[in-house]
Amino acid sequence: ILGAASALLLAAATAGAAPPTPAWTQRHDGGGQFNDDGWCAVTDPSGHVVVAGESADGIGGVDLCLRKLARLDGHQIWQARYQGYDGKDVTVADITWDTAGQLLVAGYIRGCVG
């Protein structure tokens, strides 16, 4: 995962082989030309990549952002954004799949709450 919420999938390389090369790249701009960062990534059983991070659209703080990207070419399958209340910033801590195949997302509100 690179800054500006870029997902980078590298082709697997065997020991002694040439360095890995990008199979595809995908950039995300949440709007307003603010920083967007990807912090966590997991693959689903089909090999699609789910990237979680934060995205700023310039309206009411930083949002927690989830994007599912296609395994073969990186096109966006879906996106979800979660806003904090009262303009608070929300970010992700971790993501994982449970045994039932549901995506679990842990996040938190940054800054002063209360």
Protein backbone atom coordinates (compact mmCIF):
# COMPACT_ATOMS: atom_id res chain seq x y z
CA ILE A 1 0.00 0.00 0.00
CA LEU A 2 1.35 3.38 -0.96
CA GLY A 3 0.42 6.90 0.06
CA ALA A 4 -2.48 8.65 -1.61
CA ALA A 5 -4.46 5.41 -1.23
CA SER A 6 -2.71 3.64 -4.06
CA ALA A 7 -3.10 -0.10 -4.08
CA LEU A 8 -0.19 -1.96 -5.59
CA LEU A 9 -0.37 -5.65 -6.37
CA LEU A 10 2.97 -7.27 -7.12
CA ALA A 11 3.36 -10.41 -9.15
CA ALA A 12 4.86 -13.23 -7.11
CA ALA A 13 8.55 -13.88 -7.61
CA THR A 14 10.43 -17.06 -6.83
CA ALA A 15 13.78 -17.11 -5.07
CA GLY A 16 16.54 -15.95 -7.37
CA ALA A 17 14.06 -14.59 -9.92
CA ALA A 18 13.87 -11.01 -11.14
CA PRO A 19 12.32 -8.47 -8.77
CA PRO A 20 8.50 -8.44 -8.79
CA THR A 21 6.74 -6.16 -11.25
CA PRO A 22 3.39 -4.44 -10.75
CA ALA A 23 0.46 -6.44 -12.09
CA TRP A 24 -1.67 -3.28 -11.77
CA THR A 25 -1.91 -0.08 -9.77
CA GLN A 26 -4.97 1.83 -8.60
CA ARG A 27 -5.05 5.38 -7.26
CA HIS A 28 -7.83 6.99 -5.22
CA ASP A 29 -8.67 10.68 -4.89
CA GLY A 30 -11.37 11.32 -2.30
CA GLY A 31 -11.88 14.83 -3.62
CA GLY A 32 -10.62 18.24 -2.69
CA GLN A 33 -6.99 17.31 -3.43
CA PHE A 34 -6.42 16.25 0.19
CA ASN A 35 -4.35 13.29 1.41
CA ASP A 36 -5.93 9.86 1.05
CA ASP A 37 -4.06 6.96 2.63
CA GLY A 38 -4.47 3.19 2.49
CA TRP A 39 -3.47 1.51 5.76
CA CYS A 40 -4.65 -2.11 5.52
CA ALA A 41 -5.36 -4.62 2.77
CA VAL A 42 -6.81 -8.13 2.70
CA THR A 43 -7.89 -10.45 -0.09
CA ASP A 44 -11.25 -12.18 -0.27
CA PRO A 45 -11.60 -15.89 -1.19
CA SER A 46 -11.74 -14.91 -4.89
CA GLY A 47 -8.48 -12.96 -4.66
CA HIS A 48 -10.04 -9.49 -4.88
CA VAL A 49 -8.30 -6.87 -2.72
CA VAL A 50 -10.08 -4.84 -0.04
CA VAL A 51 -8.14 -1.72 0.93
CA ALA A 52 -9.02 0.25 4.06
CA GLY A 53 -7.74 3.66 4.96
CA GLU A 54 -8.79 7.25 5.27
CA SER A 55 -9.99 9.70 2.68
CA ALA A 56 -10.58 13.45 2.87
CA ASP A 57 -13.19 15.04 0.63
CA GLY A 58 -12.86 18.48 2.19
CA ILE A 59 -16.26 18.24 3.91
CA GLY A 60 -16.40 17.63 7.66
CA GLY A 61 -13.16 15.80 8.39
CA VAL A 62 -11.42 12.62 7.30
CA ASP A 63 -13.59 9.57 6.53
CA LEU A 64 -12.84 5.87 6.95
CA CYS A 65 -12.79 4.51 3.40
CA LEU A 66 -13.08 0.91 2.16
CA ARG A 67 -12.56 -0.09 -1.48
CA LYS A 68 -12.81 -3.51 -3.07
CA LEU A 69 -10.62 -3.84 -6.15
CA ALA A 70 -10.73 -6.55 -8.80
CA ARG A 71 -7.98 -9.15 -8.65
CA LEU A 72 -7.12 -9.10 -12.35
CA ASP A 73 -7.03 -5.43 -13.27
CA GLY A 74 -7.65 -3.40 -10.08
CA HIS A 75 -10.94 -1.79 -11.14
CA GLN A 76 -13.17 -0.73 -8.26
CA ILE A 77 -15.93 -3.22 -7.42
CA TRP A 78 -17.37 -1.17 -4.56
CA GLN A 79 -16.52 1.64 -2.17
CA ALA A 80 -17.87 2.59 1.26
CA ARG A 81 -17.14 5.73 3.29
CA TYR A 82 -17.91 6.25 6.97
CA GLN A 83 -17.98 9.76 8.39
CA GLY A 84 -17.38 10.78 11.97
CA TYR A 85 -19.83 12.98 13.80
CA ASP A 86 -19.35 16.71 14.34
CA GLY A 87 -16.55 16.82 11.77
CA LYS A 88 -14.34 14.36 13.69
CA ASP A 89 -11.78 12.32 11.75
CA VAL A 90 -12.39 8.56 11.50
CA THR A 91 -9.66 6.10 10.55
CA VAL A 92 -9.15 2.36 10.30
CA ALA A 93 -7.09 0.24 12.70
CA ASP A 94 -7.41 -3.18 11.02
CA ILE A 95 -9.55 -5.32 8.72
CA THR A 96 -10.00 -9.08 8.47
CA TRP A 97 -12.45 -11.74 7.33
CA ASP A 98 -14.35 -13.85 9.88
CA THR A 99 -15.10 -17.57 9.45
CA ALA A 100 -18.52 -16.74 7.95
CA GLY A 101 -16.90 -14.66 5.19
CA GLN A 102 -17.91 -11.27 6.56
CA LEU A 103 -15.49 -8.36 6.47
CA LEU A 104 -14.71 -7.01 9.95
CA VAL A 105 -13.48 -3.44 10.20
CA ALA A 106 -12.01 -1.87 13.34
CA GLY A 107 -11.55 1.87 13.45
CA TYR A 108 -11.60 4.84 15.77
CA ILE A 109 -12.35 8.54 16.00
CA ARG A 110 -9.27 10.75 16.25
CA GLY A 111 -9.11 13.86 18.33
CA CYS A 112 -11.14 15.05 21.28
CA VAL A 113 -14.45 13.26 21.79
CA GLY A 114 -16.96 14.53 24.31
